[in-house]
Amino acid sequence: MRGYRGVNNKKVRYKNIIAYGLGDLYGGGAFLIIGTLFLIFLTDIVGLSPARAGLILIIGKSWDAISDPIMGYLSDHTKTKYGRRRIYFLIAIIPIAISFILLWAPVNFSSNRLLFYYYLFAYIFFSTVFTMVMVPYSALNAEISENYKTRTKLSTSRMLFSQFSALLAGVLPKIIINQFPIEKQGYFIMSIIFAILYALPWIIVFKGTWELPYKNLNKSKRLNLNSFKTVFVNKSFRIHIGMYLSAYVAMDFLMALFIYFLNYYLQKENLFPYTMLALLLSQIIMLPIYMKISNKYGKGKAYRIGLSIWGSAMIFSFLLSPSSSILSIIIISIFMGIGLSAGVMVPWAVLPSIADIDELISKEKRTGIYSGLMTLIRKLAQAIALWITGLLLSLIHYIPNQTQSTDTLFKLRLIFILIPLSLIIIGLFFASKFKITPEKHKILIQEINRIKAGGKKKDVKDKVRIICEELTGLPYK
C-alpha cells in the first residue's frame, strides 16, 4: 500500500543516531535535578513547610496520571507536514526553558499560601511540558526505521546521552549554586544554564530525524478509555512491563538506599560521589556492548545477562562490612553499574517492537499510547518506591544524623540488598518469557507489510502464524 510506513525507508546514518540521542539530555537530567534538589529548595530556600512541599510533588504526579496517556493519544492522532511526533519538539523549545527556570525563580510573596500556589503551578507546568516532549520523543524511535538493529542503535544513543546528562545533573548544579553567596541566586543561575542545555538540542533532534510515511486505517479520533485498556491485550507488552518495572523499581530502591548503606552501615560518608561515579560510568561504557548483544541474540538475552550480573553484585554486597576496603566497595559498584546498564536500556529499546506487535492486533501504529503509559507507570512506580523507602526507614527505627542501633543497621543492610535482589529475580522471570528476537521481529514486520499491501490472512504461512500468535498471545484469526 502506497504511503504506508516502511515504504521508502531512509538510511539512518550515525549523525541521525546522535541527533536522536541528544533529546535525552533533557529526559535524563531534568528530573534528576528536581529529584535531588527541588524538595530541599522548597523547604530550606523558599521556606515552605515539608508537608506543603510534599503536596506539590504529589499533586504533580496525580496530574501526570491524566496528562501522560492523553499526550500519547494526541501524539498518535496529530497530523502536520512534519509528522505526528516531531512537531512537538519545535513547539516545546521555549516552554522547556521557561518551565525549568520558573521552578527555581526567587519569587517573593508575603504569604506562604501564595508561594505554595506559585510553585505548584511551576511544577505542573514543567511536568506538562516534559510530557508534551518526552512522550512523542519515546515514540519516535519506531517512526524513524523499521529495522531491528537500527532501532537498538537509536535506543543506545538515547541512553548514552541520558547517562551523560545524569552525570552532569548529579555534579554540576551544586557546584554552580555554591559559587553564589545568596543561594537563591545560585539556584536561579543554575536553572538558566540547564534550561539552555535542555532546550537547544531539540533543534538538532528535529532537523536530524524524520518520520516514515504512515497511513492509519482506523479513522476514529475519539478519545476513550478503550484506547488505553486494549494495549494490555498485547501479551508481549504485559511481559515487557514486568521487565520494565522490575528493573527500574529495583534501581529506585538501590539509589535511594545506597547513601544510607554507605553512610551508616559501611561508615564511609565521603565515598558516595565516587561509588555513584563508578556505577554511572560503568553503565555508560556497557551500553554499546549490550547493543551488540541485543542485535545479535535479542534484547531479552541482553536483559538476562545484565540483571544476572547486577543480582550477583547485590549478593556479593552481603560480604561488605565497615572494615571493607574502598577498592572492594568501588568494584561492587562497578558490577552493579554493568548489570544495571541492561536494565535501563532494554525496556525502552523494546518499545518500538511492542508497538509493531500492537499494529498487527489493532491495525494502528499506537506507539504514542504505549510511550505515554510507560512514562506514567514509571513516574508512579518511582513515587511509590520512594514512599516505601521512607516508610521502611521509619519501620527499622532509622534516626537522621544519629548513630544507629545494631538492629537498625542489620535491617538496613537487609533491605538494601534483598529488595533490589527480589525485584531482579522477578525481572529475570519475566525475561524468560520474552520471545522477541531479531529474526522473529523481521518476520513480524514482513507479515504486517503483507497484510497492509492487501494480503489475505488465510494465506499466512504456518511458521509466520505461530510466531504472530506467540508474540501477540492471541489466535491469528
Protein backbone atom coordinates (compact mmCIF):
# COMPACT_ATOMS: atom_id res chain seq x y z
CA MET A 1 0.00 0.00 0.00
CA ARG A 2 1.44 3.31 -1.05
CA GLY A 3 2.02 5.76 1.82
CA TYR A 4 2.36 3.03 4.42
CA ARG A 5 5.26 3.40 6.81
CA GLY A 6 8.15 1.20 5.85
CA VAL A 7 7.94 2.20 2.19
CA ASN A 8 10.90 4.28 1.02
CA ASN A 9 12.96 3.69 4.17
CA LYS A 10 15.60 6.37 4.53
CA LYS A 11 19.09 5.33 5.52
CA VAL A 12 19.81 6.12 9.15
CA ARG A 13 23.33 7.48 9.48
CA TYR A 14 25.38 8.00 12.63
CA LYS A 15 24.61 11.72 12.58
CA ASN A 16 20.91 10.83 12.74
CA ILE A 17 21.50 8.38 15.59
CA ILE A 18 23.39 11.09 17.50
CA ALA A 19 20.71 13.69 16.72
CA TYR A 20 18.01 11.39 18.10
CA GLY A 21 20.02 10.60 21.24
CA LEU A 22 20.52 14.29 22.08
CA GLY A 23 16.87 14.55 23.11
CA ASP A 24 17.51 12.59 26.29
CA LEU A 25 19.87 15.22 27.64
CA TYR A 26 16.58 16.69 28.84
CA GLY A 27 14.94 13.41 29.80
CA GLY A 28 17.97 12.05 31.64
CA GLY A 29 18.89 15.17 33.60
CA ALA A 30 15.93 17.43 34.35
CA PHE A 31 14.07 15.15 36.73
CA LEU A 32 17.32 14.08 38.39
CA ILE A 33 18.00 17.70 39.37
CA ILE A 34 14.42 18.04 40.58
CA GLY A 35 14.64 14.75 42.46
CA THR A 36 17.81 15.73 44.30
CA LEU A 37 17.35 19.49 44.87
CA PHE A 38 13.74 20.64 44.45
CA LEU A 39 12.41 19.42 47.79
CA ILE A 40 15.23 20.96 49.81
CA PHE A 41 14.92 24.14 47.70
CA LEU A 42 11.23 24.41 48.64
CA THR A 43 11.80 23.79 52.34
CA ASP A 44 15.16 25.39 53.08
CA ILE A 45 15.36 28.18 50.50
CA VAL A 46 11.74 29.11 49.73
CA GLY A 47 10.53 28.40 53.28
CA LEU A 48 7.57 26.11 52.59
CA SER A 49 6.67 23.53 55.19
CA PRO A 50 7.70 19.94 54.33
CA ALA A 51 4.00 19.00 54.16
CA ARG A 52 3.22 21.68 51.58
CA ALA A 53 6.38 20.93 49.61
CA GLY A 54 5.47 17.24 49.50
CA LEU A 55 1.92 18.10 48.46
CA ILE A 56 3.27 19.93 45.39
CA LEU A 57 5.03 16.75 44.26
CA ILE A 58 2.01 14.53 44.96
CA ILE A 59 -0.36 16.79 43.02
CA GLY A 60 2.16 16.90 40.17
CA LYS A 61 2.25 13.10 39.99
CA SER A 62 -1.56 12.99 40.03
CA TRP A 63 -1.63 15.35 37.06
CA ASP A 64 0.82 13.05 35.26
CA ALA A 65 -1.70 10.23 35.61
CA ILE A 66 -4.01 12.26 33.38
CA SER A 67 -1.59 14.02 31.04
CA ASP A 68 0.78 11.19 30.06
CA PRO A 69 -1.76 8.80 28.46
CA ILE A 70 -3.66 11.70 26.85
CA MET A 71 -0.44 13.04 25.33
CA GLY A 72 0.26 9.58 23.93
CA TYR A 73 -3.15 9.52 22.29
CA LEU A 74 -2.78 13.06 20.91
CA SER A 75 0.65 12.23 19.53
CA ASP A 76 -0.77 9.21 17.67
CA HIS A 77 -3.51 11.35 16.10
CA THR A 78 -1.59 14.53 15.26
CA LYS A 79 -1.38 15.49 11.58
CA THR A 80 1.16 18.07 10.37
CA LYS A 81 3.56 18.39 7.47
CA TYR A 82 6.33 17.49 9.95
CA GLY A 83 4.62 14.27 11.05
CA ARG A 84 2.93 13.16 14.25
CA ARG A 85 5.82 13.42 16.72
CA ARG A 86 8.47 15.93 15.70
CA ILE A 87 6.19 18.99 15.60
CA TYR A 88 6.09 18.90 19.40
CA PHE A 89 9.86 19.36 19.57
CA LEU A 90 9.54 22.73 17.82
CA ILE A 91 6.53 23.81 19.88
CA ALA A 92 8.26 22.97 23.17
CA ILE A 93 11.72 24.56 22.76
CA ILE A 94 10.82 27.84 24.50
CA PRO A 95 8.42 26.26 27.06
CA ILE A 96 11.18 23.79 28.06
CA ALA A 97 13.48 26.67 29.01
CA ILE A 98 10.79 28.79 30.69
CA SER A 99 9.26 25.91 32.67
CA PHE A 100 12.61 24.82 34.11
CA ILE A 101 13.59 28.38 35.10
CA LEU A 102 10.22 29.03 36.77
CA LEU A 103 10.82 26.10 39.12
CA TRP A 104 13.81 27.87 40.66
CA ALA A 105 12.74 31.51 40.31
CA PRO A 106 13.41 33.53 43.52
CA VAL A 107 9.87 34.89 43.86
CA ASN A 108 8.90 36.87 46.95
CA PHE A 109 5.39 36.57 48.33
CA SER A 110 4.40 37.59 51.82
CA SER A 111 2.03 34.65 52.05
CA ASN A 112 3.14 31.03 52.29
CA ARG A 113 -0.08 30.11 50.54
CA LEU A 114 0.83 32.22 47.50
CA LEU A 115 4.30 30.65 47.44
CA PHE A 116 2.66 27.21 47.51
CA TYR A 117 0.36 28.07 44.58
CA TYR A 118 3.20 29.58 42.56
CA TYR A 119 5.50 26.55 42.88
CA LEU A 120 2.56 24.18 42.40
CA PHE A 121 1.81 25.94 39.10
CA ALA A 122 5.51 25.90 38.14
CA TYR A 123 5.81 22.16 38.84
CA ILE A 124 2.63 21.25 36.94
CA PHE A 125 3.71 23.48 34.04
CA PHE A 126 7.12 21.79 33.95
CA SER A 127 5.56 18.30 34.13
CA THR A 128 3.17 19.15 31.30
CA VAL A 129 5.95 20.43 29.04
CA PHE A 130 8.10 17.40 29.90
CA THR A 131 5.23 15.09 28.95
CA MET A 132 4.49 17.03 25.75
CA VAL A 133 8.07 16.41 24.57
CA MET A 134 9.16 13.09 26.02
CA VAL A 135 6.11 11.02 25.12
CA PRO A 136 6.40 11.78 21.36
CA TYR A 137 10.18 11.50 21.64
CA SER A 138 9.99 7.98 23.06
CA ALA A 139 7.54 7.03 20.31
CA LEU A 140 9.73 8.49 17.54
CA ASN A 141 12.19 5.57 17.59
CA ALA A 142 9.60 3.35 15.91
CA GLU A 143 8.87 6.02 13.29
CA ILE A 144 12.46 6.54 12.08
CA SER A 145 13.13 2.97 10.96
CA GLU A 146 11.55 -0.48 10.90
CA ASN A 147 14.95 -2.15 11.21
CA TYR A 148 15.50 -4.02 14.50
CA LYS A 149 19.24 -3.25 14.69
CA THR A 150 18.82 0.42 13.78
CA ARG A 151 16.21 0.87 16.49
CA THR A 152 18.59 -0.67 19.02
CA LYS A 153 21.30 1.80 17.97
CA LEU A 154 18.86 4.69 18.38
CA SER A 155 17.91 3.48 21.87
CA THR A 156 21.57 3.04 22.81
CA SER A 157 22.36 6.58 21.65
CA ARG A 158 19.47 7.84 23.73
CA MET A 159 20.70 6.03 26.84
CA LEU A 160 24.29 7.26 26.33
CA PHE A 161 23.14 10.88 26.30
CA SER A 162 20.75 10.19 29.17
CA GLN A 163 23.50 8.79 31.38
CA PHE A 164 25.90 11.60 30.40
CA SER A 165 23.18 14.09 31.35
CA ALA A 166 22.66 12.27 34.65
CA LEU A 167 26.36 12.71 35.42
CA LEU A 168 26.14 16.43 34.70
CA ALA A 169 22.93 16.75 36.73
CA GLY A 170 24.45 14.92 39.66
CA VAL A 171 27.63 17.00 39.83
CA LEU A 172 27.30 20.49 38.30
CA PRO A 173 24.16 22.07 39.86
CA LYS A 174 25.52 22.18 43.42
CA ILE A 175 28.90 23.43 42.19
CA ILE A 176 27.16 26.31 40.38
CA ILE A 177 24.90 27.10 43.35
CA ASN A 178 27.84 27.17 45.75
CA GLN A 179 29.55 29.92 43.71
CA PHE A 180 26.99 32.46 44.91
CA PRO A 181 26.79 33.88 48.44
CA ILE A 182 22.99 34.09 48.16
CA GLU A 183 21.66 30.60 47.48
CA LYS A 184 18.52 31.85 45.75
CA GLN A 185 20.70 33.49 43.11
CA GLY A 186 22.73 30.32 42.74
CA TYR A 187 19.63 28.21 42.11
CA PHE A 188 18.32 30.75 39.60
CA ILE A 189 21.59 30.95 37.61
CA MET A 190 21.83 27.16 37.67
CA SER A 191 18.32 26.93 36.24
CA ILE A 192 19.15 29.29 33.36
CA ILE A 193 22.28 27.31 32.41
CA PHE A 194 20.48 23.97 32.42
CA ALA A 195 17.37 25.42 30.75
CA ILE A 196 19.53 26.36 27.75
CA LEU A 197 21.21 22.93 27.79
CA TYR A 198 17.84 21.18 27.80
CA ALA A 199 16.06 23.39 25.23
CA LEU A 200 18.53 23.96 22.38
CA PRO A 201 19.28 20.29 21.45
CA TRP A 202 15.68 19.86 20.28
CA ILE A 203 16.51 21.92 17.20
CA ILE A 204 19.11 19.28 16.28
CA VAL A 205 16.73 16.44 17.17
CA PHE A 206 14.08 17.94 14.90
CA LYS A 207 16.43 18.55 11.97
CA GLY A 208 18.31 15.25 12.31
CA THR A 209 15.31 12.90 12.44
CA TRP A 210 12.21 12.11 10.39
CA GLU A 211 9.05 10.01 10.43
CA LEU A 212 8.40 7.35 7.84
CA PRO A 213 5.12 7.77 5.93
CA TYR A 214 2.22 6.17 7.75
CA LYS A 215 -1.41 5.72 6.79
CA ASN A 216 -3.76 4.99 9.67
CA LEU A 217 -6.57 2.67 8.59
CA ASN A 218 -8.63 3.47 11.68
CA LYS A 219 -10.35 6.81 11.02
CA SER A 220 -11.75 7.22 14.51
CA LYS A 221 -10.18 10.01 16.55
CA ARG A 222 -12.42 9.70 19.56
CA LEU A 223 -10.57 9.62 22.86
CA ASN A 224 -11.89 6.79 25.05
CA LEU A 225 -10.63 4.51 27.77
CA ASN A 226 -10.62 1.51 25.44
CA SER A 227 -7.67 3.10 23.63
CA PHE A 228 -5.63 2.57 26.80
CA LYS A 229 -7.19 -0.68 28.02
CA THR A 230 -6.61 -2.56 24.77
CA VAL A 231 -2.82 -2.28 24.97
CA PHE A 232 -2.90 -4.88 27.74
CA VAL A 233 -4.33 -7.42 25.28
CA ASN A 234 -0.81 -7.48 23.85
CA LYS A 235 0.96 -10.37 25.61
CA SER A 236 4.43 -9.07 24.78
CA PHE A 237 3.53 -5.71 26.35
CA ARG A 238 2.48 -7.36 29.61
CA ILE A 239 5.80 -9.22 29.76
CA HIS A 240 7.65 -6.07 28.79
CA ILE A 241 6.02 -4.05 31.60
CA GLY A 242 7.07 -6.76 34.06
CA MET A 243 10.67 -6.45 32.90
CA TYR A 244 10.49 -2.65 32.85
CA LEU A 245 9.05 -2.21 36.34
CA SER A 246 11.28 -4.86 37.90
CA ALA A 247 14.48 -3.23 36.66
CA TYR A 248 13.52 0.40 37.22
CA VAL A 249 11.94 -0.05 40.66
CA ALA A 250 14.96 -2.12 41.74
CA MET A 251 17.10 0.82 40.58
CA ASP A 252 14.91 3.27 42.55
CA PHE A 253 15.38 1.31 45.77
CA LEU A 254 19.09 0.87 45.12
CA MET A 255 19.68 4.58 44.50
CA ALA A 256 17.51 5.71 47.42
CA LEU A 257 19.11 3.34 49.96
CA PHE A 258 22.71 3.40 48.72
CA ILE A 259 23.67 6.58 50.58
CA TYR A 260 22.19 5.24 53.84
CA PHE A 261 24.04 1.93 53.39
CA LEU A 262 27.34 3.74 52.79
CA ASN A 263 26.98 6.38 55.47
CA TYR A 264 25.61 4.30 58.31
CA TYR A 265 26.34 0.61 57.72
CA LEU A 266 29.71 0.88 55.96
CA GLN A 267 30.59 4.17 57.72
CA LYS A 268 32.07 5.63 54.53
CA GLU A 269 30.31 9.00 54.39
CA ASN A 270 32.58 10.59 51.80
CA LEU A 271 32.52 7.66 49.40
CA PHE A 272 29.07 8.24 47.86
CA PRO A 273 30.15 10.51 44.93
CA TYR A 274 32.88 8.03 43.95
CA THR A 275 30.60 4.99 44.08
CA MET A 276 27.98 6.82 42.01
CA LEU A 277 30.65 7.83 39.51
CA ALA A 278 31.84 4.21 39.26
CA LEU A 279 28.27 2.94 38.87
CA LEU A 280 27.22 5.51 36.25
CA LEU A 281 30.42 5.32 34.20
CA SER A 282 30.29 1.53 34.03
CA GLN A 283 26.65 1.87 32.96
CA ILE A 284 27.61 4.17 30.09
CA ILE A 285 30.58 2.04 28.98
CA MET A 286 28.43 -1.10 28.81
CA LEU A 287 25.65 0.37 26.68
CA PRO A 288 27.37 -0.31 23.30
CA ILE A 289 28.15 -3.87 24.42
CA TYR A 290 24.51 -4.55 25.30
CA MET A 291 23.56 -3.02 21.96
CA LYS A 292 25.68 -5.62 20.16
CA ILE A 293 24.26 -8.45 22.27
CA SER A 294 20.70 -7.20 21.58
CA ASN A 295 21.25 -7.04 17.84
CA LYS A 296 22.84 -10.48 17.64
CA TYR A 297 20.91 -12.52 20.21
CA GLY A 298 17.90 -10.37 21.11
CA LYS A 299 17.08 -7.78 23.75
CA GLY A 300 15.74 -10.42 26.15
CA LYS A 301 19.17 -12.08 26.19
CA ALA A 302 20.90 -8.76 26.90
CA TYR A 303 18.45 -8.08 29.73
CA ARG A 304 19.01 -11.50 31.31
CA ILE A 305 22.79 -11.16 31.16
CA GLY A 306 22.69 -7.69 32.68
CA LEU A 307 20.31 -8.49 35.51
CA SER A 308 22.24 -11.67 36.35
CA ILE A 309 25.40 -9.58 36.78
CA TRP A 310 23.52 -6.98 38.82
CA GLY A 311 21.94 -9.66 41.03
CA SER A 312 25.36 -11.25 41.62
CA ALA A 313 26.74 -7.87 42.68
CA MET A 314 23.89 -7.47 45.17
CA ILE A 315 24.66 -10.92 46.62
CA PHE A 316 28.35 -10.01 46.98
CA SER A 317 27.23 -6.87 48.85
CA PHE A 318 26.49 -9.20 51.78
CA LEU A 319 30.26 -9.55 52.17
CA LEU A 320 30.77 -5.82 52.69
CA SER A 321 31.31 -4.51 56.19
CA PRO A 322 32.72 -1.35 57.85
CA SER A 323 36.19 -2.93 57.57
CA SER A 324 35.87 -3.48 53.80
CA SER A 325 38.39 -1.66 51.63
CA ILE A 326 37.33 1.26 49.47
CA LEU A 327 38.52 -0.70 46.42
CA SER A 328 36.15 -3.60 47.14
CA ILE A 329 33.19 -1.22 47.50
CA ILE A 330 34.07 0.52 44.22
CA ILE A 331 34.43 -2.82 42.40
CA ILE A 332 30.99 -3.97 43.56
CA SER A 333 29.58 -0.59 42.49
CA ILE A 334 31.12 -1.09 39.05
CA PHE A 335 29.48 -4.51 38.67
CA MET A 336 26.15 -3.05 39.80
CA GLY A 337 26.50 -0.48 37.02
CA ILE A 338 27.50 -3.13 34.46
CA GLY A 339 24.30 -5.06 35.18
CA LEU A 340 22.07 -2.04 35.68
CA SER A 341 23.04 -0.78 32.22
CA ALA A 342 20.94 -3.50 30.54
CA GLY A 343 18.05 -2.93 32.93
CA VAL A 344 17.96 0.75 31.97
CA MET A 345 18.47 0.34 28.21
CA VAL A 346 16.50 -2.73 27.17
CA PRO A 347 12.94 -1.74 28.26
CA TRP A 348 12.99 1.45 26.17
CA ALA A 349 14.77 -0.30 23.30
CA VAL A 350 11.97 -2.88 23.23
CA LEU A 351 9.17 -0.28 22.95
CA PRO A 352 9.18 0.03 19.11
CA SER A 353 8.86 -3.75 18.71
CA ILE A 354 5.96 -3.79 21.17
CA ALA A 355 4.21 -1.15 19.04
CA ASP A 356 4.79 -3.30 15.94
CA ILE A 357 3.08 -6.24 17.63
CA ASP A 358 0.20 -3.97 18.59
CA GLU A 359 -0.09 -2.85 14.94
CA LEU A 360 -0.78 -6.45 13.94
CA ILE A 361 -3.56 -6.53 16.56
CA SER A 362 -5.10 -3.05 16.24
CA LYS A 363 -4.21 -2.09 12.63
CA GLU A 364 -2.81 1.16 14.03
CA LYS A 365 0.67 2.42 14.95
CA ARG A 366 -0.05 3.44 18.54
CA THR A 367 3.49 3.99 19.80
CA GLY A 368 2.38 7.23 21.45
CA ILE A 369 -0.14 5.48 23.71
CA TYR A 370 2.47 2.89 24.71
CA SER A 371 5.03 5.61 25.35
CA GLY A 372 2.56 7.61 27.44
CA LEU A 373 1.62 4.58 29.54
CA MET A 374 5.26 3.66 30.08
CA THR A 375 6.07 7.22 31.17
CA LEU A 376 3.10 7.26 33.53
CA ILE A 377 3.83 3.83 35.02
CA ARG A 378 7.47 4.84 35.52
CA LYS A 379 6.58 8.06 37.38
CA LEU A 380 4.00 6.37 39.61
CA ALA A 381 6.30 3.43 40.37
CA GLN A 382 9.15 5.77 41.30
CA ALA A 383 6.90 7.79 43.61
CA ILE A 384 5.64 4.62 45.31
CA ALA A 385 9.18 3.22 45.63
CA LEU A 386 10.42 6.41 47.31
CA TRP A 387 7.40 6.46 49.62
CA ILE A 388 8.02 2.81 50.61
CA THR A 389 11.70 3.60 51.17
CA GLY A 390 10.77 6.34 53.66
CA LEU A 391 8.27 4.02 55.32
CA LEU A 392 10.83 1.22 55.66
CA LEU A 393 13.39 3.58 57.19
CA SER A 394 10.78 4.55 59.77
CA LEU A 395 9.90 0.91 60.48
CA ILE A 396 13.54 -0.03 61.15
CA HIS A 397 13.76 2.97 63.52
CA TYR A 398 16.24 4.95 61.49
CA ILE A 399 17.08 8.30 63.16
CA PRO A 400 18.55 11.03 60.90
CA ASN A 401 22.08 12.24 61.70
CA GLN A 402 22.41 9.90 64.66
CA THR A 403 24.36 6.73 65.44
CA GLN A 404 22.04 3.87 64.53
CA SER A 405 21.37 0.84 66.71
CA THR A 406 22.82 -2.56 65.80
CA ASP A 407 19.33 -3.83 64.97
CA THR A 408 18.64 -0.86 62.67
CA LEU A 409 21.96 -1.35 60.85
CA PHE A 410 21.25 -5.06 60.37
CA LYS A 411 17.81 -4.33 58.90
CA LEU A 412 19.18 -1.51 56.76
CA ARG A 413 21.68 -3.93 55.24
CA LEU A 414 18.91 -6.46 54.56
CA ILE A 415 16.52 -4.07 52.82
CA PHE A 416 19.34 -2.50 50.78
CA ILE A 417 20.31 -5.91 49.36
CA LEU A 418 17.15 -8.03 49.42
CA ILE A 419 14.59 -5.61 47.95
CA PRO A 420 16.55 -4.90 44.72
CA LEU A 421 17.61 -8.56 44.53
CA SER A 422 13.99 -9.76 44.80
CA LEU A 423 12.93 -7.39 42.02
CA ILE A 424 15.86 -8.53 39.86
CA ILE A 425 14.69 -12.14 40.23
CA ILE A 426 11.15 -11.12 39.23
CA GLY A 427 12.60 -9.31 36.20
CA LEU A 428 14.52 -12.44 35.18
CA PHE A 429 11.30 -14.45 35.46
CA PHE A 430 9.52 -12.11 33.05
CA ALA A 431 12.56 -12.05 30.73
CA SER A 432 12.43 -15.86 30.49
CA LYS A 433 9.02 -15.45 28.82
CA PHE A 434 10.15 -12.67 26.45
CA LYS A 435 10.09 -14.05 22.89
CA ILE A 436 11.02 -11.14 20.61
CA THR A 437 14.26 -11.81 18.69
CA PRO A 438 15.76 -10.10 15.62
CA GLU A 439 14.57 -12.97 13.39
CA LYS A 440 11.01 -13.01 14.78
CA HIS A 441 10.77 -9.24 14.54
CA LYS A 442 11.77 -9.35 10.87
CA ILE A 443 9.07 -11.94 10.17
CA LEU A 444 6.53 -9.82 12.09
CA ILE A 445 7.31 -6.71 10.02
CA GLN A 446 7.06 -8.70 6.79
CA GLU A 447 3.65 -10.02 7.81
CA ILE A 448 2.38 -6.54 8.75
CA ASN A 449 3.53 -5.21 5.38
CA ARG A 450 1.92 -8.16 3.57
CA ILE A 451 -1.44 -7.51 5.27
CA LYS A 452 -1.19 -3.75 4.62
CA ALA A 453 -0.48 -4.42 0.97
CA GLY A 454 -3.76 -6.31 0.66
CA GLY A 455 -2.62 -9.84 1.54
CA LYS A 456 -5.24 -12.21 2.95
CA LYS A 457 -4.94 -13.71 6.42
CA LYS A 458 -5.82 -17.18 5.14
CA ASP A 459 -2.62 -17.16 3.05
CA VAL A 460 -0.36 -16.88 6.10
CA LYS A 461 2.44 -19.46 6.35
CA ASP A 462 2.37 -21.78 9.36
CA LYS A 463 5.71 -20.56 10.73
CA VAL A 464 4.59 -16.94 10.50
CA ARG A 465 1.24 -17.72 12.13
CA ILE A 466 2.94 -19.47 15.07
CA ILE A 467 5.31 -16.54 15.62
CA CYS A 468 2.48 -13.99 15.43
CA GLU A 469 0.43 -15.95 17.96
CA GLU A 470 3.45 -16.34 20.24
CA LEU A 471 4.15 -12.59 20.25
CA THR A 472 0.56 -11.33 20.50
CA GLY A 473 -0.82 -14.03 22.76
CA LEU A 474 -3.89 -14.18 20.52
CA PRO A 475 -5.19 -16.63 17.88
CA TYR A 476 -4.04 -15.42 14.45
CA LYS A 477 -7.58 -15.14 13.08
